[in-house]
Amino acid sequence: MQEIRCGHCGRKLAAASGFTELQIKCPRCRTLNHLKAESLLTPPSSATSHQEAPCPHNRSSPG
């Protein structure tokens, strides 16, 4: 987990894991903190190296 701290006053706002974009308003100094992930930690399932097999033709239908 990664600690999320206010960029203005340094107060700990949260501990988060696996976020892509986050907005938190600091209750101490009222600064809106906007964070974005530096990179994706795990690739999406469609980006894996295996290839899916094509759908077989339905032999009962003409064509």
N, C-alpha and C. Protein backbone atom coordinates (compact mmCIF):
# COMPACT_ATOMS: atom_id res chain seq x y z
N MET A 1 0.84 -1.19 0.00
CA MET A 1 0.00 0.00 0.00
C MET A 1 0.88 1.24 0.00
N GLN A 2 0.36 2.27 -0.63
CA GLN A 2 1.09 3.52 -0.75
C GLN A 2 0.40 4.58 0.12
N GLU A 3 1.18 5.32 0.91
CA GLU A 3 0.63 6.40 1.70
C GLU A 3 0.31 7.58 0.79
N ILE A 4 -0.86 8.16 0.99
CA ILE A 4 -1.25 9.36 0.25
C ILE A 4 -1.18 10.52 1.23
N ARG A 5 -0.33 11.50 0.94
CA ARG A 5 -0.15 12.66 1.81
C ARG A 5 -0.51 13.93 1.06
N CYS A 6 -0.97 14.93 1.82
CA CYS A 6 -1.31 16.22 1.25
C CYS A 6 -0.06 16.88 0.68
N GLY A 7 -0.15 17.38 -0.52
CA GLY A 7 0.98 18.04 -1.16
C GLY A 7 1.29 19.39 -0.57
N HIS A 8 0.36 19.97 0.21
CA HIS A 8 0.57 21.29 0.79
C HIS A 8 1.08 21.21 2.23
N CYS A 9 0.38 20.46 3.10
CA CYS A 9 0.76 20.42 4.51
C CYS A 9 1.39 19.10 4.94
N GLY A 10 1.33 18.05 4.12
CA GLY A 10 1.97 16.79 4.42
C GLY A 10 1.17 15.84 5.29
N ARG A 11 -0.07 16.19 5.62
CA ARG A 11 -0.90 15.30 6.44
C ARG A 11 -1.22 14.02 5.68
N LYS A 12 -1.17 12.88 6.39
CA LYS A 12 -1.53 11.61 5.77
C LYS A 12 -3.04 11.60 5.55
N LEU A 13 -3.43 11.37 4.29
CA LEU A 13 -4.84 11.38 3.93
C LEU A 13 -5.42 9.98 3.77
N ALA A 14 -4.60 9.04 3.30
CA ALA A 14 -5.10 7.69 3.05
C ALA A 14 -3.92 6.76 2.81
N ALA A 15 -4.24 5.47 2.76
CA ALA A 15 -3.32 4.44 2.31
C ALA A 15 -4.08 3.70 1.22
N ALA A 16 -3.53 3.69 0.00
CA ALA A 16 -4.27 3.14 -1.13
C ALA A 16 -3.40 2.18 -1.92
N SER A 17 -4.08 1.31 -2.65
CA SER A 17 -3.41 0.35 -3.50
C SER A 17 -4.24 0.17 -4.76
N GLY A 18 -3.62 0.23 -5.91
CA GLY A 18 -4.31 -0.06 -7.16
C GLY A 18 -5.21 1.04 -7.69
N PHE A 19 -4.91 2.29 -7.44
CA PHE A 19 -5.74 3.35 -8.00
C PHE A 19 -5.14 3.87 -9.30
N THR A 20 -5.97 4.41 -10.18
CA THR A 20 -5.47 5.03 -11.40
C THR A 20 -5.60 6.55 -11.31
N GLU A 21 -6.63 7.03 -10.62
CA GLU A 21 -6.81 8.46 -10.44
C GLU A 21 -7.56 8.68 -9.14
N LEU A 22 -7.15 9.68 -8.36
CA LEU A 22 -7.72 9.89 -7.04
C LEU A 22 -7.73 11.37 -6.72
N GLN A 23 -8.83 11.85 -6.12
CA GLN A 23 -8.91 13.22 -5.64
C GLN A 23 -9.32 13.18 -4.18
N ILE A 24 -8.53 13.84 -3.33
CA ILE A 24 -8.83 13.89 -1.90
C ILE A 24 -8.65 15.33 -1.43
N LYS A 25 -9.65 15.85 -0.71
CA LYS A 25 -9.55 17.19 -0.14
C LYS A 25 -9.03 17.06 1.30
N CYS A 26 -7.96 17.76 1.60
CA CYS A 26 -7.35 17.69 2.92
C CYS A 26 -8.24 18.39 3.93
N PRO A 27 -8.58 17.71 5.03
CA PRO A 27 -9.43 18.34 6.05
C PRO A 27 -8.69 19.42 6.86
N ARG A 28 -7.36 19.38 6.86
CA ARG A 28 -6.58 20.35 7.62
C ARG A 28 -6.45 21.68 6.87
N CYS A 29 -5.93 21.65 5.64
CA CYS A 29 -5.65 22.89 4.92
C CYS A 29 -6.60 23.15 3.75
N ARG A 30 -7.52 22.20 3.49
CA ARG A 30 -8.57 22.32 2.46
C ARG A 30 -8.02 22.30 1.03
N THR A 31 -6.81 21.79 0.84
CA THR A 31 -6.23 21.67 -0.49
C THR A 31 -6.79 20.45 -1.19
N LEU A 32 -7.16 20.58 -2.46
CA LEU A 32 -7.63 19.44 -3.24
C LEU A 32 -6.40 18.77 -3.86
N ASN A 33 -6.16 17.53 -3.46
CA ASN A 33 -5.03 16.75 -3.95
C ASN A 33 -5.52 15.83 -5.05
N HIS A 34 -4.91 15.93 -6.23
CA HIS A 34 -5.29 15.13 -7.40
C HIS A 34 -4.09 14.27 -7.76
N LEU A 35 -4.26 12.95 -7.64
CA LEU A 35 -3.17 12.02 -7.92
C LEU A 35 -3.53 11.10 -9.06
N LYS A 36 -2.54 10.80 -9.89
CA LYS A 36 -2.70 9.82 -10.97
C LYS A 36 -1.60 8.79 -10.83
N ALA A 37 -1.92 7.55 -11.18
CA ALA A 37 -0.93 6.48 -11.12
C ALA A 37 0.18 6.75 -12.14
N GLU A 38 1.41 6.43 -11.77
CA GLU A 38 2.54 6.61 -12.68
C GLU A 38 2.49 5.61 -13.83
N SER A 39 2.09 4.38 -13.53
CA SER A 39 1.95 3.35 -14.56
C SER A 39 1.02 2.28 -14.03
N LEU A 40 0.52 1.46 -14.93
CA LEU A 40 -0.33 0.35 -14.52
C LEU A 40 0.52 -0.73 -13.89
N LEU A 41 0.09 -1.24 -12.76
CA LEU A 41 0.85 -2.27 -12.07
C LEU A 41 0.69 -3.62 -12.75
N THR A 42 -0.52 -3.94 -13.21
CA THR A 42 -0.77 -5.20 -13.90
C THR A 42 -1.41 -4.89 -15.24
N PRO A 43 -1.00 -5.57 -16.31
CA PRO A 43 -1.59 -5.30 -17.61
C PRO A 43 -3.03 -5.79 -17.66
N PRO A 44 -3.89 -5.12 -18.45
CA PRO A 44 -5.26 -5.60 -18.59
C PRO A 44 -5.28 -7.00 -19.19
N SER A 45 -6.35 -7.74 -18.95
CA SER A 45 -6.41 -9.13 -19.39
C SER A 45 -6.33 -9.25 -20.91
N SER A 46 -6.74 -8.23 -21.65
CA SER A 46 -6.67 -8.29 -23.11
C SER A 46 -5.24 -8.11 -23.63
N ALA A 47 -4.33 -7.67 -22.78
CA ALA A 47 -2.96 -7.44 -23.21
C ALA A 47 -2.04 -8.60 -22.91
N THR A 48 -2.58 -9.72 -22.47
CA THR A 48 -1.73 -10.87 -22.17
C THR A 48 -1.20 -11.48 -23.46
N SER A 49 -0.16 -12.27 -23.35
CA SER A 49 0.52 -12.77 -24.54
C SER A 49 -0.20 -13.93 -25.22
N HIS A 50 -1.15 -14.58 -24.54
CA HIS A 50 -1.83 -15.70 -25.19
C HIS A 50 -2.85 -15.19 -26.21
N GLN A 51 -3.09 -16.00 -27.22
CA GLN A 51 -4.08 -15.64 -28.24
C GLN A 51 -5.30 -16.51 -28.06
N GLU A 52 -6.47 -15.90 -28.23
CA GLU A 52 -7.70 -16.66 -28.11
C GLU A 52 -7.97 -17.42 -29.40
N ALA A 53 -8.55 -18.60 -29.25
CA ALA A 53 -8.89 -19.41 -30.41
C ALA A 53 -10.11 -18.82 -31.09
N PRO A 54 -10.16 -18.85 -32.43
CA PRO A 54 -11.34 -18.33 -33.12
C PRO A 54 -12.56 -19.19 -32.82
N CYS A 55 -13.73 -18.58 -32.92
CA CYS A 55 -14.98 -19.31 -32.67
C CYS A 55 -15.18 -20.35 -33.77
N PRO A 56 -15.54 -21.57 -33.40
CA PRO A 56 -15.80 -22.58 -34.42
C PRO A 56 -17.09 -22.26 -35.17
N HIS A 57 -17.16 -22.67 -36.43
CA HIS A 57 -18.37 -22.44 -37.22
C HIS A 57 -19.47 -23.34 -36.72
N ASN A 58 -20.68 -22.84 -36.76
CA ASN A 58 -21.83 -23.64 -36.38
C ASN A 58 -22.18 -24.54 -37.55
N ARG A 59 -21.97 -25.83 -37.41
CA ARG A 59 -22.17 -26.76 -38.50
C ARG A 59 -23.63 -26.97 -38.85
N SER A 60 -24.54 -26.62 -37.96
CA SER A 60 -25.96 -26.82 -38.23
C SER A 60 -26.54 -25.70 -39.10
N SER A 61 -25.86 -24.57 -39.20
CA SER A 61 -26.39 -23.48 -40.01
C SER A 61 -25.78 -23.54 -41.43
N PRO A 62 -26.55 -23.17 -42.45
CA PRO A 62 -26.01 -23.20 -43.82
C PRO A 62 -24.96 -22.08 -44.00
N GLY A 63 -23.98 -22.36 -44.83
CA GLY A 63 -23.01 -21.33 -45.19
C GLY A 63 -21.73 -21.55 -44.59
